Amino acid sequence: MKAKGIWLTVMGAVFAAALLLLSMYTLGAEVFPLDTFLTTLQRAGYEVRTDMASSEFLRGRATQITLSGDPEQTILLYQYPSPDKAEQDASCIDPSGRLFTYPGENGTSRSVTVEWVAPPHFYLRHNAIIQYVGSDEKLLPLLESLCGPPIAGDGSGKTSRSRELTLE
């Protein structure tokens, strides 16, 4: 009887996820193609590990993607319920990728400055923000081919908040 309850719970979760994806496609919202992303990284020669991660700066559901190599490379993928939510969070990232400014109540805002150990790169693709901190010459062009040009950080070509972010 216990196995049947577990099976029903799992099937219920699968059904709910399928409904969410179907509703997003039905409403015209595109979903980040995680499976394609991971497969492409594997085909490029990386061994790929994924783990759930906590998010200190962005509000999306965070997944840490660790790529084999010397040294290992880490990508953080933040997924959101919709592209609009991802764009809203992306607008909090300063073009340098080092300052996050969040709107508060009554016209106030809260800012956090980060000193990264390597150049940050932020990409926006559909309902996801992809963060890579590093300068791997093999990985950077691969990320750009999968996600488009960076919206913030190194390589974004943006220098001030007054310029609009280029969003896909």
N, C-alpha and C. Protein backbone atom coordinates (compact mmCIF):
# COMPACT_ATOMS: atom_id res chain seq x y z
N MET A 1 0.81 -1.19 0.00
CA MET A 1 0.00 0.00 0.00
C MET A 1 0.86 1.26 0.00
N LYS A 2 2.01 1.21 0.73
CA LYS A 2 2.91 2.34 0.80
C LYS A 2 3.50 2.67 -0.57
N ALA A 3 3.85 1.61 -1.34
CA ALA A 3 4.42 1.80 -2.68
C ALA A 3 3.41 2.49 -3.59
N LYS A 4 2.14 2.14 -3.46
CA LYS A 4 1.11 2.76 -4.28
C LYS A 4 1.00 4.26 -3.97
N GLY A 5 1.11 4.61 -2.69
CA GLY A 5 1.07 6.02 -2.29
C GLY A 5 2.24 6.81 -2.85
N ILE A 6 3.42 6.21 -2.82
CA ILE A 6 4.60 6.87 -3.38
C ILE A 6 4.43 7.04 -4.88
N TRP A 7 3.94 5.98 -5.54
CA TRP A 7 3.74 6.04 -6.99
C TRP A 7 2.76 7.15 -7.34
N LEU A 8 1.65 7.25 -6.59
CA LEU A 8 0.67 8.30 -6.86
C LEU A 8 1.26 9.69 -6.63
N THR A 9 2.10 9.84 -5.61
CA THR A 9 2.74 11.13 -5.35
C THR A 9 3.67 11.51 -6.49
N VAL A 10 4.48 10.56 -6.95
CA VAL A 10 5.40 10.82 -8.06
C VAL A 10 4.62 11.16 -9.32
N MET A 11 3.60 10.40 -9.61
CA MET A 11 2.80 10.67 -10.83
C MET A 11 2.11 12.03 -10.73
N GLY A 12 1.67 12.39 -9.54
CA GLY A 12 1.05 13.70 -9.35
C GLY A 12 2.04 14.83 -9.62
N ALA A 13 3.28 14.66 -9.15
CA ALA A 13 4.31 15.67 -9.39
C ALA A 13 4.65 15.77 -10.87
N VAL A 14 4.74 14.63 -11.54
CA VAL A 14 5.03 14.62 -12.99
C VAL A 14 3.89 15.31 -13.74
N PHE A 15 2.66 15.01 -13.36
CA PHE A 15 1.50 15.62 -14.01
C PHE A 15 1.50 17.14 -13.81
N ALA A 16 1.79 17.59 -12.58
CA ALA A 16 1.83 19.03 -12.30
C ALA A 16 2.92 19.72 -13.11
N ALA A 17 4.10 19.10 -13.21
CA ALA A 17 5.18 19.68 -14.00
C ALA A 17 4.79 19.75 -15.47
N ALA A 18 4.15 18.70 -15.98
CA ALA A 18 3.72 18.69 -17.37
C ALA A 18 2.69 19.80 -17.63
N LEU A 19 1.76 19.98 -16.69
CA LEU A 19 0.78 21.05 -16.84
C LEU A 19 1.44 22.42 -16.84
N LEU A 20 2.43 22.63 -15.97
CA LEU A 20 3.14 23.90 -15.94
C LEU A 20 3.82 24.17 -17.27
N LEU A 21 4.55 23.19 -17.77
CA LEU A 21 5.24 23.36 -19.06
C LEU A 21 4.24 23.60 -20.18
N LEU A 22 3.14 22.83 -20.20
CA LEU A 22 2.13 22.99 -21.23
C LEU A 22 1.51 24.38 -21.17
N SER A 23 1.23 24.86 -19.97
CA SER A 23 0.63 26.19 -19.85
C SER A 23 1.60 27.27 -20.31
N MET A 24 2.91 27.09 -20.04
CA MET A 24 3.88 28.09 -20.48
C MET A 24 3.96 28.10 -22.00
N TYR A 25 3.97 26.94 -22.63
CA TYR A 25 4.00 26.89 -24.10
C TYR A 25 2.71 27.41 -24.68
N THR A 26 1.59 27.09 -24.05
CA THR A 26 0.30 27.55 -24.53
C THR A 26 0.21 29.06 -24.49
N LEU A 27 0.79 29.66 -23.45
CA LEU A 27 0.75 31.11 -23.31
C LEU A 27 1.83 31.79 -24.15
N GLY A 28 2.61 31.02 -24.90
CA GLY A 28 3.64 31.59 -25.76
C GLY A 28 4.97 31.80 -25.07
N ALA A 29 5.08 31.41 -23.81
CA ALA A 29 6.33 31.59 -23.09
C ALA A 29 7.28 30.44 -23.43
N GLU A 30 8.49 30.79 -23.76
CA GLU A 30 9.47 29.76 -24.06
C GLU A 30 10.22 29.37 -22.80
N VAL A 31 10.49 28.09 -22.67
CA VAL A 31 11.17 27.54 -21.51
C VAL A 31 12.61 27.24 -21.87
N PHE A 32 13.52 27.53 -20.94
CA PHE A 32 14.93 27.25 -21.18
C PHE A 32 15.12 25.75 -21.42
N PRO A 33 15.79 25.39 -22.51
CA PRO A 33 15.97 23.97 -22.87
C PRO A 33 17.12 23.33 -22.09
N LEU A 34 16.89 23.00 -20.82
CA LEU A 34 17.94 22.49 -19.95
C LEU A 34 18.57 21.21 -20.50
N ASP A 35 17.75 20.28 -20.97
CA ASP A 35 18.30 19.02 -21.49
C ASP A 35 19.24 19.27 -22.67
N THR A 36 18.84 20.14 -23.58
CA THR A 36 19.68 20.47 -24.73
C THR A 36 20.97 21.14 -24.28
N PHE A 37 20.86 22.04 -23.31
CA PHE A 37 22.00 22.75 -22.77
C PHE A 37 23.03 21.76 -22.20
N LEU A 38 22.55 20.84 -21.36
CA LEU A 38 23.44 19.86 -20.73
C LEU A 38 24.04 18.91 -21.77
N THR A 39 23.22 18.46 -22.73
CA THR A 39 23.72 17.56 -23.78
C THR A 39 24.79 18.23 -24.61
N THR A 40 24.61 19.50 -24.93
CA THR A 40 25.60 20.23 -25.72
C THR A 40 26.91 20.36 -24.96
N LEU A 41 26.84 20.62 -23.67
CA LEU A 41 28.06 20.68 -22.85
C LEU A 41 28.77 19.32 -22.84
N GLN A 42 28.00 18.25 -22.75
CA GLN A 42 28.60 16.91 -22.78
C GLN A 42 29.25 16.62 -24.13
N ARG A 43 28.59 16.99 -25.20
CA ARG A 43 29.14 16.77 -26.54
C ARG A 43 30.40 17.59 -26.79
N ALA A 44 30.54 18.68 -26.03
CA ALA A 44 31.75 19.51 -26.14
C ALA A 44 32.91 18.90 -25.36
N GLY A 45 32.65 17.76 -24.70
CA GLY A 45 33.72 17.06 -24.01
C GLY A 45 33.73 17.20 -22.50
N TYR A 46 32.74 17.87 -21.94
CA TYR A 46 32.68 18.03 -20.49
C TYR A 46 31.89 16.89 -19.86
N GLU A 47 32.35 16.45 -18.69
CA GLU A 47 31.50 15.63 -17.84
C GLU A 47 30.69 16.62 -17.03
N VAL A 48 29.39 16.39 -16.94
CA VAL A 48 28.48 17.36 -16.34
C VAL A 48 27.82 16.77 -15.09
N ARG A 49 27.88 17.53 -13.99
CA ARG A 49 27.18 17.19 -12.76
C ARG A 49 26.24 18.33 -12.41
N THR A 50 25.05 18.00 -11.98
CA THR A 50 24.11 19.04 -11.56
C THR A 50 23.70 18.81 -10.11
N ASP A 51 23.54 19.91 -9.39
CA ASP A 51 23.09 19.88 -8.00
C ASP A 51 22.22 21.10 -7.77
N MET A 52 21.28 20.98 -6.86
CA MET A 52 20.50 22.14 -6.46
C MET A 52 21.44 23.09 -5.72
N ALA A 53 21.21 24.37 -5.83
CA ALA A 53 22.08 25.36 -5.19
C ALA A 53 21.21 26.42 -4.52
N SER A 54 21.82 27.14 -3.61
CA SER A 54 21.12 28.27 -3.01
C SER A 54 21.45 29.51 -3.83
N SER A 55 20.60 30.48 -3.74
CA SER A 55 20.78 31.70 -4.51
C SER A 55 20.91 32.88 -3.55
N GLU A 56 22.06 33.54 -3.62
CA GLU A 56 22.28 34.69 -2.74
C GLU A 56 21.85 36.00 -3.38
N PHE A 57 21.88 36.07 -4.72
CA PHE A 57 21.65 37.35 -5.38
C PHE A 57 20.43 37.36 -6.29
N LEU A 58 20.11 36.25 -6.89
CA LEU A 58 18.97 36.18 -7.80
C LEU A 58 17.88 35.31 -7.20
N ARG A 59 16.64 35.55 -7.65
CA ARG A 59 15.50 34.90 -7.00
C ARG A 59 15.02 33.63 -7.69
N GLY A 60 15.63 33.24 -8.79
CA GLY A 60 15.21 32.03 -9.48
C GLY A 60 15.62 30.77 -8.75
N ARG A 61 15.03 29.64 -9.17
CA ARG A 61 15.43 28.34 -8.62
C ARG A 61 16.80 28.00 -9.17
N ALA A 62 17.78 27.85 -8.29
CA ALA A 62 19.18 27.73 -8.70
C ALA A 62 19.61 26.28 -8.84
N THR A 63 20.31 26.01 -9.94
CA THR A 63 20.94 24.71 -10.18
C THR A 63 22.42 24.97 -10.46
N GLN A 64 23.28 24.26 -9.75
CA GLN A 64 24.72 24.36 -10.01
C GLN A 64 25.10 23.29 -11.02
N ILE A 65 25.76 23.71 -12.09
CA ILE A 65 26.24 22.79 -13.12
C ILE A 65 27.77 22.82 -13.05
N THR A 66 28.35 21.68 -12.70
CA THR A 66 29.80 21.57 -12.58
C THR A 66 30.34 20.81 -13.79
N LEU A 67 31.34 21.40 -14.43
CA LEU A 67 31.93 20.81 -15.63
C LEU A 67 33.33 20.31 -15.31
N SER A 68 33.65 19.11 -15.81
CA SER A 68 34.97 18.53 -15.58
C SER A 68 36.03 19.40 -16.24
N GLY A 69 37.24 19.25 -15.79
CA GLY A 69 38.36 19.98 -16.37
C GLY A 69 39.35 20.34 -15.29
N ASP A 70 40.42 20.95 -15.72
CA ASP A 70 41.43 21.38 -14.77
C ASP A 70 41.70 22.86 -15.00
N PRO A 71 41.07 23.74 -14.27
CA PRO A 71 40.21 23.45 -13.13
C PRO A 71 38.77 23.18 -13.57
N GLU A 72 37.96 22.65 -12.63
CA GLU A 72 36.53 22.49 -12.91
C GLU A 72 35.91 23.86 -13.12
N GLN A 73 34.87 23.90 -13.93
CA GLN A 73 34.14 25.15 -14.18
C GLN A 73 32.75 24.99 -13.57
N THR A 74 32.20 26.09 -13.06
CA THR A 74 30.87 26.06 -12.46
C THR A 74 29.98 27.08 -13.13
N ILE A 75 28.81 26.64 -13.49
CA ILE A 75 27.76 27.50 -14.06
C ILE A 75 26.59 27.45 -13.09
N LEU A 76 25.99 28.60 -12.82
CA LEU A 76 24.75 28.62 -12.04
C LEU A 76 23.61 28.96 -12.99
N LEU A 77 22.59 28.15 -12.94
CA LEU A 77 21.40 28.34 -13.78
C LEU A 77 20.25 28.70 -12.86
N TYR A 78 19.64 29.86 -13.10
CA TYR A 78 18.50 30.31 -12.32
C TYR A 78 17.27 30.20 -13.21
N GLN A 79 16.31 29.37 -12.82
CA GLN A 79 15.09 29.20 -13.61
C GLN A 79 13.92 29.89 -12.92
N TYR A 80 13.05 30.50 -13.74
CA TYR A 80 11.93 31.30 -13.26
C TYR A 80 10.63 30.76 -13.84
N PRO A 81 9.50 31.09 -13.22
CA PRO A 81 8.22 30.61 -13.74
C PRO A 81 7.88 31.14 -15.13
N SER A 82 8.48 32.29 -15.48
CA SER A 82 8.18 32.89 -16.80
C SER A 82 9.36 33.73 -17.27
N PRO A 83 9.43 34.00 -18.57
CA PRO A 83 10.47 34.90 -19.07
C PRO A 83 10.38 36.30 -18.46
N ASP A 84 9.16 36.76 -18.17
CA ASP A 84 9.01 38.09 -17.55
C ASP A 84 9.68 38.15 -16.19
N LYS A 85 9.55 37.08 -15.39
CA LYS A 85 10.19 37.05 -14.07
C LYS A 85 11.72 37.02 -14.22
N ALA A 86 12.21 36.29 -15.22
CA ALA A 86 13.66 36.25 -15.46
C ALA A 86 14.15 37.64 -15.88
N GLU A 87 13.42 38.30 -16.76
CA GLU A 87 13.81 39.64 -17.20
C GLU A 87 13.78 40.63 -16.04
N GLN A 88 12.80 40.48 -15.16
CA GLN A 88 12.71 41.36 -13.99
C GLN A 88 13.96 41.20 -13.11
N ASP A 89 14.38 39.97 -12.86
CA ASP A 89 15.59 39.75 -12.06
C ASP A 89 16.83 40.22 -12.81
N ALA A 90 16.88 39.99 -14.13
CA ALA A 90 18.03 40.43 -14.93
C ALA A 90 18.21 41.94 -14.85
N SER A 91 17.11 42.66 -14.74
CA SER A 91 17.20 44.12 -14.68
C SER A 91 17.85 44.60 -13.38
N CYS A 92 17.98 43.72 -12.39
CA CYS A 92 18.63 44.07 -11.12
C CYS A 92 20.15 43.97 -11.20
N ILE A 93 20.65 43.35 -12.27
CA ILE A 93 22.09 43.14 -12.41
C ILE A 93 22.70 44.34 -13.13
N ASP A 94 23.66 45.00 -12.50
CA ASP A 94 24.36 46.11 -13.12
C ASP A 94 25.14 45.58 -14.34
N PRO A 95 25.32 46.38 -15.37
CA PRO A 95 26.06 45.92 -16.55
C PRO A 95 27.44 45.33 -16.25
N SER A 96 28.06 45.75 -15.15
CA SER A 96 29.37 45.21 -14.80
C SER A 96 29.27 43.78 -14.27
N GLY A 97 28.06 43.37 -13.83
CA GLY A 97 27.88 42.07 -13.23
C GLY A 97 28.35 42.01 -11.79
N ARG A 98 28.71 43.15 -11.24
CA ARG A 98 29.26 43.19 -9.88
C ARG A 98 28.34 43.89 -8.87
N LEU A 99 27.26 44.45 -9.34
CA LEU A 99 26.33 45.17 -8.48
C LEU A 99 24.91 44.68 -8.76
N PHE A 100 24.20 44.33 -7.71
CA PHE A 100 22.80 43.90 -7.80
C PHE A 100 21.97 44.92 -7.04
N THR A 101 20.99 45.53 -7.70
CA THR A 101 20.14 46.53 -7.07
C THR A 101 18.69 46.07 -7.16
N TYR A 102 18.06 45.94 -6.00
CA TYR A 102 16.70 45.43 -5.92
C TYR A 102 15.77 46.55 -5.49
N PRO A 103 14.67 46.74 -6.24
CA PRO A 103 13.72 47.78 -5.85
C PRO A 103 13.04 47.42 -4.54
N GLY A 104 12.84 48.43 -3.73
CA GLY A 104 12.16 48.25 -2.45
C GLY A 104 10.85 49.01 -2.44
N GLU A 105 10.31 49.15 -1.27
CA GLU A 105 9.06 49.89 -1.12
C GLU A 105 9.33 51.38 -1.07
N ASN A 106 8.35 52.17 -1.44
CA ASN A 106 8.40 53.63 -1.37
C ASN A 106 9.57 54.22 -2.15
N GLY A 107 9.91 53.61 -3.28
CA GLY A 107 10.97 54.16 -4.12
C GLY A 107 12.38 53.91 -3.63
N THR A 108 12.53 53.12 -2.59
CA THR A 108 13.86 52.81 -2.09
C THR A 108 14.42 51.60 -2.84
N SER A 109 15.70 51.36 -2.66
CA SER A 109 16.30 50.18 -3.27
C SER A 109 17.39 49.65 -2.34
N ARG A 110 17.75 48.39 -2.57
CA ARG A 110 18.80 47.74 -1.79
C ARG A 110 19.83 47.24 -2.78
N SER A 111 21.10 47.52 -2.52
CA SER A 111 22.17 47.11 -3.43
C SER A 111 23.18 46.21 -2.72
N VAL A 112 23.72 45.27 -3.49
CA VAL A 112 24.76 44.37 -3.02
C VAL A 112 25.88 44.39 -4.05
N THR A 113 27.11 44.64 -3.60
CA THR A 113 28.27 44.62 -4.47
C THR A 113 29.03 43.33 -4.24
N VAL A 114 29.46 42.70 -5.35
CA VAL A 114 30.18 41.43 -5.27
C VAL A 114 31.54 41.58 -5.91
N GLU A 115 32.56 41.08 -5.24
CA GLU A 115 33.90 41.00 -5.82
C GLU A 115 34.12 39.55 -6.22
N TRP A 116 34.01 39.27 -7.51
CA TRP A 116 34.16 37.91 -8.02
C TRP A 116 35.64 37.53 -8.09
N VAL A 117 35.93 36.23 -8.06
CA VAL A 117 37.31 35.75 -8.15
C VAL A 117 37.80 35.73 -9.60
N ALA A 118 36.89 35.89 -10.55
CA ALA A 118 37.19 35.92 -11.97
C ALA A 118 36.10 36.75 -12.65
N PRO A 119 36.25 37.06 -13.93
CA PRO A 119 35.23 37.87 -14.59
C PRO A 119 33.86 37.19 -14.61
N PRO A 120 32.80 37.93 -14.22
CA PRO A 120 31.45 37.36 -14.27
C PRO A 120 30.84 37.52 -15.67
N HIS A 121 29.98 36.58 -16.03
CA HIS A 121 29.23 36.63 -17.29
C HIS A 121 27.79 36.22 -16.97
N PHE A 122 26.83 37.02 -17.38
CA PHE A 122 25.41 36.71 -17.16
C PHE A 122 24.71 36.68 -18.50
N TYR A 123 23.92 35.63 -18.71
CA TYR A 123 23.17 35.44 -19.95
C TYR A 123 21.70 35.29 -19.60
N LEU A 124 20.83 35.76 -20.47
CA LEU A 124 19.38 35.61 -20.30
C LEU A 124 18.86 34.83 -21.49
N ARG A 125 18.19 33.74 -21.20
CA ARG A 125 17.62 32.91 -22.27
C ARG A 125 16.27 32.41 -21.81
N HIS A 126 15.22 32.87 -22.47
CA HIS A 126 13.85 32.49 -22.15
C HIS A 126 13.55 32.76 -20.67
N ASN A 127 13.28 31.71 -19.90
CA ASN A 127 12.92 31.89 -18.49
C ASN A 127 14.10 31.61 -17.55
N ALA A 128 15.32 31.83 -18.02
CA ALA A 128 16.49 31.49 -17.22
C ALA A 128 17.58 32.56 -17.32
N ILE A 129 18.32 32.69 -16.22
CA ILE A 129 19.54 33.49 -16.20
C ILE A 129 20.68 32.50 -15.96
N ILE A 130 21.70 32.60 -16.76
CA ILE A 130 22.85 31.72 -16.66
C ILE A 130 24.03 32.57 -16.19
N GLN A 131 24.69 32.13 -15.11
CA GLN A 131 25.83 32.87 -14.54
C GLN A 131 27.08 32.00 -14.64
N TYR A 132 28.11 32.56 -15.22
CA TYR A 132 29.41 31.89 -15.27
C TYR A 132 30.46 32.89 -14.80
N VAL A 133 31.25 32.50 -13.82
CA VAL A 133 32.35 33.33 -13.34
C VAL A 133 33.63 32.62 -13.72
N GLY A 134 34.32 33.18 -14.71
CA GLY A 134 35.55 32.55 -15.19
C GLY A 134 35.94 33.10 -16.55
N SER A 135 36.98 32.54 -17.12
CA SER A 135 37.47 33.03 -18.41
C SER A 135 37.93 31.88 -19.31
N ASP A 136 37.31 30.71 -19.17
CA ASP A 136 37.68 29.55 -19.97
C ASP A 136 37.40 29.83 -21.45
N GLU A 137 38.46 29.77 -22.27
CA GLU A 137 38.34 30.14 -23.68
C GLU A 137 37.54 29.13 -24.50
N LYS A 138 37.38 27.92 -24.00
CA LYS A 138 36.54 26.92 -24.69
C LYS A 138 35.07 27.10 -24.30
N LEU A 139 34.83 27.42 -23.03
CA LEU A 139 33.47 27.50 -22.52
C LEU A 139 32.74 28.78 -22.92
N LEU A 140 33.44 29.91 -22.92
CA LEU A 140 32.76 31.18 -23.21
C LEU A 140 32.06 31.21 -24.58
N PRO A 141 32.73 30.80 -25.68
CA PRO A 141 32.02 30.81 -26.96
C PRO A 141 30.87 29.80 -26.99
N LEU A 142 31.02 28.70 -26.26
CA LEU A 142 29.96 27.71 -26.20
C LEU A 142 28.73 28.28 -25.49
N LEU A 143 28.95 28.98 -24.38
CA LEU A 143 27.84 29.61 -23.67
C LEU A 143 27.15 30.65 -24.54
N GLU A 144 27.94 31.43 -25.26
CA GLU A 144 27.35 32.45 -26.12
C GLU A 144 26.54 31.82 -27.25
N SER A 145 27.01 30.70 -27.79
CA SER A 145 26.26 30.03 -28.86
C SER A 145 24.95 29.45 -28.33
N LEU A 146 24.93 29.04 -27.08
CA LEU A 146 23.72 28.46 -26.48
C LEU A 146 22.76 29.50 -25.93
N CYS A 147 23.31 30.62 -25.43
CA CYS A 147 22.49 31.57 -24.68
C CYS A 147 22.42 32.96 -25.31
N GLY A 148 23.21 33.23 -26.33
CA GLY A 148 23.29 34.58 -26.87
C GLY A 148 24.37 35.35 -26.14
N PRO A 149 24.56 36.62 -26.51
CA PRO A 149 25.62 37.42 -25.87
C PRO A 149 25.29 37.70 -24.41
N PRO A 150 26.31 37.94 -23.60
CA PRO A 150 26.06 38.25 -22.19
C PRO A 150 25.23 39.53 -22.04
N ILE A 151 24.36 39.53 -21.06
CA ILE A 151 23.55 40.72 -20.77
C ILE A 151 24.23 41.60 -19.75
N ALA A 152 25.18 41.03 -19.01
CA ALA A 152 25.92 41.79 -17.99
C ALA A 152 27.24 41.07 -17.74
N GLY A 153 28.18 41.83 -17.20
CA GLY A 153 29.48 41.26 -16.90
C GLY A 153 30.43 41.38 -18.07
N ASP A 154 31.52 40.65 -17.98
CA ASP A 154 32.56 40.69 -19.00
C ASP A 154 32.01 40.29 -20.36
N GLY A 155 32.30 41.07 -21.37
CA GLY A 155 31.85 40.75 -22.72
C GLY A 155 30.48 41.28 -23.07
N SER A 156 29.80 41.92 -22.12
CA SER A 156 28.46 42.42 -22.42
C SER A 156 28.50 43.73 -23.20
N GLY A 157 29.63 44.44 -23.13
CA GLY A 157 29.73 45.71 -23.86
C GLY A 157 28.94 46.82 -23.21
N LYS A 158 28.42 46.59 -22.03
CA LYS A 158 27.62 47.60 -21.34
C LYS A 158 28.45 48.22 -20.22
N THR A 159 28.28 49.52 -20.06
CA THR A 159 29.08 50.21 -19.05
C THR A 159 28.26 50.97 -18.03
N SER A 160 26.99 51.23 -18.32
CA SER A 160 26.20 51.98 -17.34
C SER A 160 24.77 51.49 -17.30
N ARG A 161 24.13 51.72 -16.18
CA ARG A 161 22.75 51.30 -15.97
C ARG A 161 21.81 52.00 -16.94
N SER A 162 22.17 53.15 -17.47
CA SER A 162 21.27 53.92 -18.31
C SER A 162 21.03 53.26 -19.68
N ARG A 163 21.90 52.34 -20.06
CA ARG A 163 21.69 51.64 -21.32
C ARG A 163 20.78 50.44 -21.08
N GLU A 164 19.84 50.19 -22.00
CA GLU A 164 18.93 49.07 -21.84
C GLU A 164 19.64 47.75 -22.05
N LEU A 165 19.19 46.73 -21.31
CA LEU A 165 19.72 45.39 -21.52
C LEU A 165 19.13 44.83 -22.81
N THR A 166 19.92 44.12 -23.57
CA THR A 166 19.42 43.46 -24.76
C THR A 166 18.86 42.10 -24.35
N LEU A 167 17.58 41.92 -24.50
CA LEU A 167 16.93 40.69 -24.06
C LEU A 167 16.41 39.94 -25.27
N GLU A 168 16.53 38.60 -25.22
CA GLU A 168 15.98 37.79 -26.31
C GLU A 168 14.54 37.50 -26.06
